[in-house]
Structure formats: structure tokens, C-alpha cells
Protein backbone atom coordinates (compact mmCIF):
# COMPACT_ATOMS: atom_id res chain seq x y z
CA UNK A 1 -20.02 6.14 -43.16
CA UNK A 2 -17.07 7.26 -40.98
CA UNK A 3 -19.25 10.07 -39.51
CA UNK A 4 -21.95 7.72 -38.71
CA UNK A 5 -19.72 5.41 -36.72
CA UNK A 6 -19.34 8.15 -34.16
CA UNK A 7 -23.07 9.10 -34.18
CA UNK A 8 -24.49 8.70 -30.70
CA UNK A 9 -28.07 10.04 -31.54
CA UNK A 10 -30.75 8.32 -29.47
CA UNK A 11 -28.24 6.95 -26.84
CA UNK A 12 -28.17 7.78 -23.12
CA UNK A 13 -24.75 8.37 -21.62
CA UNK A 14 -23.85 8.71 -17.90
CA UNK A 15 -20.64 10.52 -17.12
CA UNK A 16 -19.46 10.76 -13.56
CA UNK A 17 -17.21 13.56 -12.32
CA UNK A 18 -18.55 15.75 -15.12
CA UNK A 19 -18.65 19.10 -13.51
CA UNK A 20 -15.11 19.97 -14.74
CA UNK A 21 -11.89 18.82 -16.36
CA UNK A 22 -11.80 15.59 -18.37
CA UNK A 23 -15.36 14.59 -17.38
CA UNK A 24 -16.88 17.85 -18.66
CA UNK A 25 -14.92 17.64 -21.90
CA UNK A 26 -16.38 14.09 -22.32
CA UNK A 27 -19.90 15.18 -21.58
CA UNK A 28 -19.69 18.05 -24.08
CA UNK A 29 -18.23 15.88 -26.88
CA UNK A 30 -20.72 13.05 -26.44
CA UNK A 31 -23.54 15.59 -26.42
CA UNK A 32 -22.19 17.12 -29.63
CA UNK A 33 -22.40 13.61 -31.19
CA UNK A 34 -26.04 13.32 -30.29
CA UNK A 35 -26.13 11.51 -27.02
CA UNK A 36 -28.33 12.60 -24.14
CA UNK A 37 -25.85 12.99 -21.51
CA UNK A 38 -26.52 12.52 -17.81
CA UNK A 39 -23.87 14.42 -15.92
CA UNK A 40 -23.12 13.53 -12.36
CA UNK A 41 -20.85 14.74 -9.54
CA UNK A 42 -21.22 15.77 -5.95
CA UNK A 43 -22.50 19.34 -6.38
CA UNK A 44 -25.85 19.92 -8.19
CA UNK A 45 -25.02 23.68 -8.74
CA UNK A 46 -21.82 22.86 -10.65
CA UNK A 47 -23.68 20.33 -12.75
CA UNK A 48 -26.49 22.66 -13.67
CA UNK A 49 -24.04 25.16 -15.03
CA UNK A 50 -22.50 22.47 -17.28
CA UNK A 51 -25.86 21.20 -18.42
CA UNK A 52 -27.01 24.73 -19.32
CA UNK A 53 -23.89 25.16 -21.49
CA UNK A 54 -24.54 21.91 -23.31
CA UNK A 55 -28.21 22.68 -23.84
CA UNK A 56 -27.23 26.22 -25.00
CA UNK A 57 -25.00 24.59 -27.56
CA UNK A 58 -27.88 22.53 -28.96
CA UNK A 59 -27.19 19.32 -26.98
CA UNK A 60 -29.29 17.29 -24.48
CA UNK A 61 -28.19 17.12 -20.90
CA UNK A 62 -29.58 16.16 -17.49
CA UNK A 63 -27.84 16.97 -14.25
CA UNK A 64 -28.14 14.48 -11.33
CA UNK A 65 -25.87 14.84 -8.30
CA UNK A 66 -24.47 11.68 -6.74
CA UNK A 67 -21.34 11.00 -4.75
CA UNK A 68 -19.20 8.25 -6.32
CA UNK A 69 -18.19 7.04 -2.78
CA UNK A 70 -21.83 6.64 -1.67
CA UNK A 71 -23.37 3.23 -2.49
CA UNK A 72 -26.92 4.31 -1.86
CA UNK A 73 -26.47 7.37 -4.01
CA UNK A 74 -25.16 5.34 -6.89
CA UNK A 75 -28.10 2.92 -6.65
CA UNK A 76 -30.53 5.83 -6.57
CA UNK A 77 -28.81 7.44 -9.63
CA UNK A 78 -29.17 4.20 -11.80
CA UNK A 79 -32.79 3.84 -10.56
CA UNK A 80 -33.63 7.45 -11.62
CA UNK A 81 -32.03 6.94 -14.98
CA UNK A 82 -34.06 3.70 -15.49
CA UNK A 83 -37.21 5.44 -14.40
CA UNK A 84 -36.78 8.62 -16.47
CA UNK A 85 -35.11 7.18 -19.69
CA UNK A 86 -35.78 3.48 -19.53
CA UNK A 87 -32.26 2.64 -20.69
CA UNK A 88 -28.51 3.33 -20.36
CA UNK A 89 -26.28 2.91 -23.38
CA UNK A 90 -22.91 4.34 -22.19
CA UNK A 91 -21.28 4.69 -18.78
CA UNK A 92 -18.10 6.66 -18.33
CA UNK A 93 -16.58 6.10 -14.86
CA UNK A 94 -14.60 9.25 -14.49
CA UNK A 95 -15.01 10.50 -10.94
CA UNK A 96 -11.99 9.92 -8.80
CA UNK A 97 -10.16 11.18 -5.81
CA UNK A 98 -6.42 11.60 -4.83
CA UNK A 99 -6.49 13.12 -1.36
CA UNK A 100 -2.99 12.12 -0.37
CA UNK A 101 0.36 13.24 -1.85
CA UNK A 102 3.40 12.05 -0.06
CA UNK A 103 5.63 9.02 0.73
CA UNK A 104 3.64 5.88 0.47
CA UNK A 105 4.63 4.52 3.82
CA UNK A 106 3.12 7.57 5.55
CA UNK A 107 -0.34 7.25 3.95
CA UNK A 108 -3.02 7.73 6.56
CA UNK A 109 -5.62 4.99 6.90
CA UNK A 110 -8.38 7.38 6.32
CA UNK A 111 -6.83 8.42 3.02
CA UNK A 112 -6.46 4.74 2.04
CA UNK A 113 -10.17 4.10 2.75
CA UNK A 114 -11.41 7.22 0.97
CA UNK A 115 -9.31 6.56 -2.17
CA UNK A 116 -10.35 2.93 -2.41
CA UNK A 117 -14.02 3.76 -1.85
CA UNK A 118 -14.28 6.19 -4.61
CA UNK A 119 -11.70 4.94 -7.13
CA UNK A 120 -12.45 1.17 -6.79
CA UNK A 121 -15.69 0.40 -5.06
CA UNK A 122 -17.46 3.23 -6.70
CA UNK A 123 -16.38 2.18 -10.18
CA UNK A 124 -17.25 -1.44 -9.33
CA UNK A 125 -20.65 -0.75 -8.03
CA UNK A 126 -21.67 1.62 -10.74
CA UNK A 127 -20.40 -0.83 -13.39
CA UNK A 128 -22.39 -3.60 -11.88
CA UNK A 129 -25.61 -1.54 -11.78
CA UNK A 130 -25.15 0.02 -15.17
CA UNK A 131 -24.24 -3.30 -16.99
CA UNK A 132 -27.48 -4.96 -15.76
CA UNK A 133 -29.47 -2.07 -17.11
CA UNK A 134 -27.52 -2.15 -20.38
CA UNK A 135 -28.27 -5.88 -20.62
CA UNK A 136 -31.97 -5.09 -20.47
CA UNK A 137 -31.57 -2.76 -23.42
CA UNK A 138 -29.64 -5.12 -25.58
CA UNK A 139 -26.08 -3.90 -24.73
CA UNK A 140 -23.88 -0.95 -24.19
CA UNK A 141 -20.43 0.36 -23.52
CA UNK A 142 -18.63 1.12 -20.28
CA UNK A 143 -15.35 3.24 -20.42
CA UNK A 144 -13.36 3.45 -17.17
CA UNK A 145 -10.96 6.37 -16.84
CA UNK A 146 -7.85 4.84 -15.30
CA UNK A 147 -4.38 6.54 -15.56
CA UNK A 148 -0.91 6.01 -16.67
CA UNK A 149 -0.24 5.70 -13.01
CA UNK A 150 -1.87 2.37 -13.05
CA UNK A 151 0.91 1.12 -15.19
CA UNK A 152 3.79 3.18 -13.85
CA UNK A 153 3.10 4.45 -10.27
CA UNK A 154 3.56 8.19 -9.84
CA UNK A 155 6.06 9.35 -7.17
CA UNK A 156 4.24 10.14 -3.92
CA UNK A 157 0.95 9.05 -5.49
CA UNK A 158 1.03 5.54 -4.21
CA UNK A 159 -2.41 4.77 -3.14
CA UNK A 160 -3.91 6.61 -6.06
CA UNK A 161 -1.70 4.69 -8.42
CA UNK A 162 -2.66 1.39 -6.79
CA UNK A 163 -6.35 2.11 -7.30
CA UNK A 164 -5.80 3.01 -10.88
CA UNK A 165 -4.08 -0.36 -11.48
CA UNK A 166 -7.09 -2.05 -10.00
CA UNK A 167 -9.31 -0.17 -12.49
CA UNK A 168 -7.29 -1.60 -15.32
CA UNK A 169 -7.78 -5.18 -14.05
CA UNK A 170 -11.44 -4.46 -13.26
CA UNK A 171 -11.90 -3.40 -16.83
CA UNK A 172 -10.63 -6.75 -18.09
CA UNK A 173 -12.92 -8.74 -15.60
CA UNK A 174 -16.04 -6.96 -16.52
CA UNK A 175 -15.12 -7.14 -20.23
CA UNK A 176 -14.95 -10.96 -20.01
CA UNK A 177 -18.08 -11.56 -17.97
CA UNK A 178 -20.25 -8.79 -19.53
CA UNK A 179 -19.50 -9.77 -23.20
CA UNK A 180 -22.42 -12.24 -23.47
CA UNK A 181 -24.66 -9.31 -22.62
CA UNK A 182 -23.17 -7.20 -25.48
CA UNK A 183 -21.72 -4.91 -22.92
CA UNK A 184 -18.21 -3.79 -24.01
CA UNK A 185 -15.88 -2.54 -21.28
CA UNK A 186 -12.73 -0.65 -21.97
CA UNK A 187 -10.35 1.80 -20.17
CA UNK A 188 -8.64 5.08 -21.17
CA UNK A 189 -5.30 5.96 -19.50
CA UNK A 190 -4.74 9.66 -19.56
CA UNK A 191 -1.29 11.18 -18.95
CA UNK A 192 -0.71 14.47 -17.27
CA UNK A 193 -3.64 16.69 -18.05
CA UNK A 194 -4.31 20.36 -17.41
CA UNK A 195 -7.08 20.03 -14.81
CA UNK A 196 -7.73 21.14 -11.29
CA UNK A 197 -7.43 17.60 -10.26
CA UNK A 198 -3.73 17.57 -11.44
CA UNK A 199 -3.00 21.14 -10.34
CA UNK A 200 -0.51 19.94 -7.68
CA UNK A 201 1.65 18.74 -10.42
CA UNK A 202 0.98 21.18 -13.24
CA UNK A 203 1.14 24.33 -11.24
CA UNK A 204 4.46 23.42 -9.51
CA UNK A 205 7.26 24.62 -11.88
CA UNK A 206 9.89 22.24 -10.64
CA UNK A 207 7.50 19.20 -10.79
CA UNK A 208 6.15 20.21 -14.23
CA UNK A 209 9.63 20.73 -15.67
CA UNK A 210 10.69 17.26 -14.46
CA UNK A 211 7.53 15.70 -15.82
CA UNK A 212 7.91 17.26 -19.27
CA UNK A 213 11.30 15.71 -19.63
CA UNK A 214 9.53 12.23 -19.66
CA UNK A 215 6.76 13.13 -22.12
CA UNK A 216 8.03 12.89 -25.73
CA UNK A 217 5.43 15.48 -26.94
CA UNK A 218 6.82 17.77 -24.14
CA UNK A 219 3.60 19.29 -23.10
CA UNK A 220 0.64 18.64 -20.83
CA UNK A 221 -2.70 17.45 -22.50
CA UNK A 222 -5.87 19.43 -22.55
CA UNK A 223 -9.05 17.70 -21.40
CA UNK A 224 -10.48 18.03 -24.92
CA UNK A 225 -7.59 15.89 -26.16
CA UNK A 226 -8.53 13.05 -23.89
CA UNK A 227 -12.27 13.01 -24.71
CA UNK A 228 -12.02 11.63 -28.22
CA UNK A 229 -10.70 8.42 -26.98
CA UNK A 230 -13.79 7.94 -24.84
CA UNK A 231 -15.88 8.79 -27.84
CA UNK A 232 -14.32 6.15 -29.92
CA UNK A 233 -14.66 3.46 -27.35
CA UNK A 234 -18.31 4.42 -26.64
CA UNK A 235 -19.29 4.43 -30.25
CA UNK A 236 -19.93 1.98 -33.01
CA UNK A 237 -16.44 2.62 -34.29
CA UNK A 238 -15.29 0.30 -31.47
CA UNK A 239 -17.96 -2.39 -31.93
CA UNK A 240 -15.46 -5.21 -31.75
CA UNK A 241 -13.29 -3.56 -29.02
CA UNK A 242 -13.52 -4.80 -25.43
CA UNK A 243 -11.15 -5.51 -22.73
CA UNK A 244 -8.57 -2.96 -23.89
CA UNK A 245 -6.77 0.06 -22.56
CA UNK A 246 -6.26 3.12 -24.71
CA UNK A 247 -3.32 5.29 -23.57
CA UNK A 248 -3.50 9.10 -24.26
CA UNK A 249 -0.25 10.27 -22.59
CA UNK A 250 1.85 12.17 -25.19
CA UNK A 251 4.28 9.11 -25.31
CA UNK A 252 5.07 8.96 -21.56
CA UNK A 253 4.87 5.14 -21.34
CA UNK A 254 6.93 4.79 -24.47
CA UNK A 255 9.74 6.32 -22.59
CA UNK A 256 10.83 9.89 -21.94
CA UNK A 257 13.51 11.89 -23.77
CA UNK A 258 15.74 12.61 -20.84
């Protein structure tokens, strides 16, 4: 029975930002559990490699390039999914950007616009489109990848942290209003994870040493350690879970050891 709760056979799942890091780990895990994963990011060539790996392992994957910050591209993506599959059961909003690292008061206007466009507007638009398609199919699950920065702003990561706080509130808003459609909406808040996205932090010895002092488990997460939280929220194991945030941060928000 427990195994069946996590079985995603017959379901169609869209994961954005799936060409590497946490997104790739999510796509591989959902495919292992039987979902047909639609992986999306900006570069088709990167996606094709991930799709080939998933298919080679016995899973089902389709690669469709789309920029999270391009409204027309997102509409086209959902339209193609509807045309090819006729349904969408799971959306994982994972694609994000963090182009600026520095004092918040020095944030360039262009960096503000880019971060808001991808991290907030992109999530909002894709959730709106996906939830309507899910409604047609009788329901579904949306999982937003937020961040612990949405609860406790990271130093010199002001605009990024602000967008992740918005994602948390967006999750609550969509959860309330999409519940009558049987569409559940939740968020996962990863802590410091060993990805290229976070390399400015993990590859700097001084920054990393300081960060680890505030993580009770005293290490950086691997992408594969974040993915099971998404599997839980996307599966029938979380059938009565909506409007919640699941933190996967090694204890950071509980308070550091230093």
C-alpha cells in the first residue's frame, strides 16, 4: 500500500528548469515512479540529454524547450502538452534566476525586472495555465520550488529572497482558490544545495564555512535529497495536503549551531 501511494503511473508531469540540478533530480525521480515527465528549460540540447538518460533507464520523458520568463513560450508549452497528451497531472515550478549578488540597495533595475519576471510572473502564469488544464482532467498537483531565503533573506540575495517569499504566498493563494478544482498547491523550501545555481556560495570556501555553521546537519544537500519532498507532494501520499510548505534545509531554519 505504501509503495502504491507514491506510484505515478499514467500521470503526466511538467518540470521546469529540468536540465540540471534539483530540476533534473526531480524529473528522474518522478519518471522512476512511473510518470511521463515533460522536462523544460531554455536549451533544447541540454533537455535532450536528460530525456535520453531517463528513457535509457526505462522511464518516459519528453523534452520541450521554453523560457520561464517568456509568457508566449509558456502558453505554447501548455498548449503543446494539451495537444500531445490531453492532460497534465503534475506541475513542478522549479526554474528560477538569481542574476544579482550584492548589497540590496545597489540592485540594478534590470536585475529586478529579470528576477521578478522569471521567479514570480513565470510561476504565476504557468500555475494559472496548468491549473485550468488540471481542472479539465479532474485535478492535479502543483509544487512550487521556493527557498529558505523566502523565510529568512540571504545576505546579498535581496531581490531573489523577495521573489521566493512571494512564491510562498502565491502557493497559499492558489491552494485556496484551486481547491474546488481538486488541484492541490504546495511549496518546497530547499536549503543550501550543491548545484551550479548555488555555486557562488558552495564554491567559495569562506562563504561555505560560514553557512555550514548555521546548518545543524553541517553539510550541503545533494539535489537527490530535495527531490523526494516533491514526489511526496505530487503523489497520492499527500492527497489531503494543500497550501503547505515543506522545508528541506538540514535544520537551518531551526537555528544554527554557532
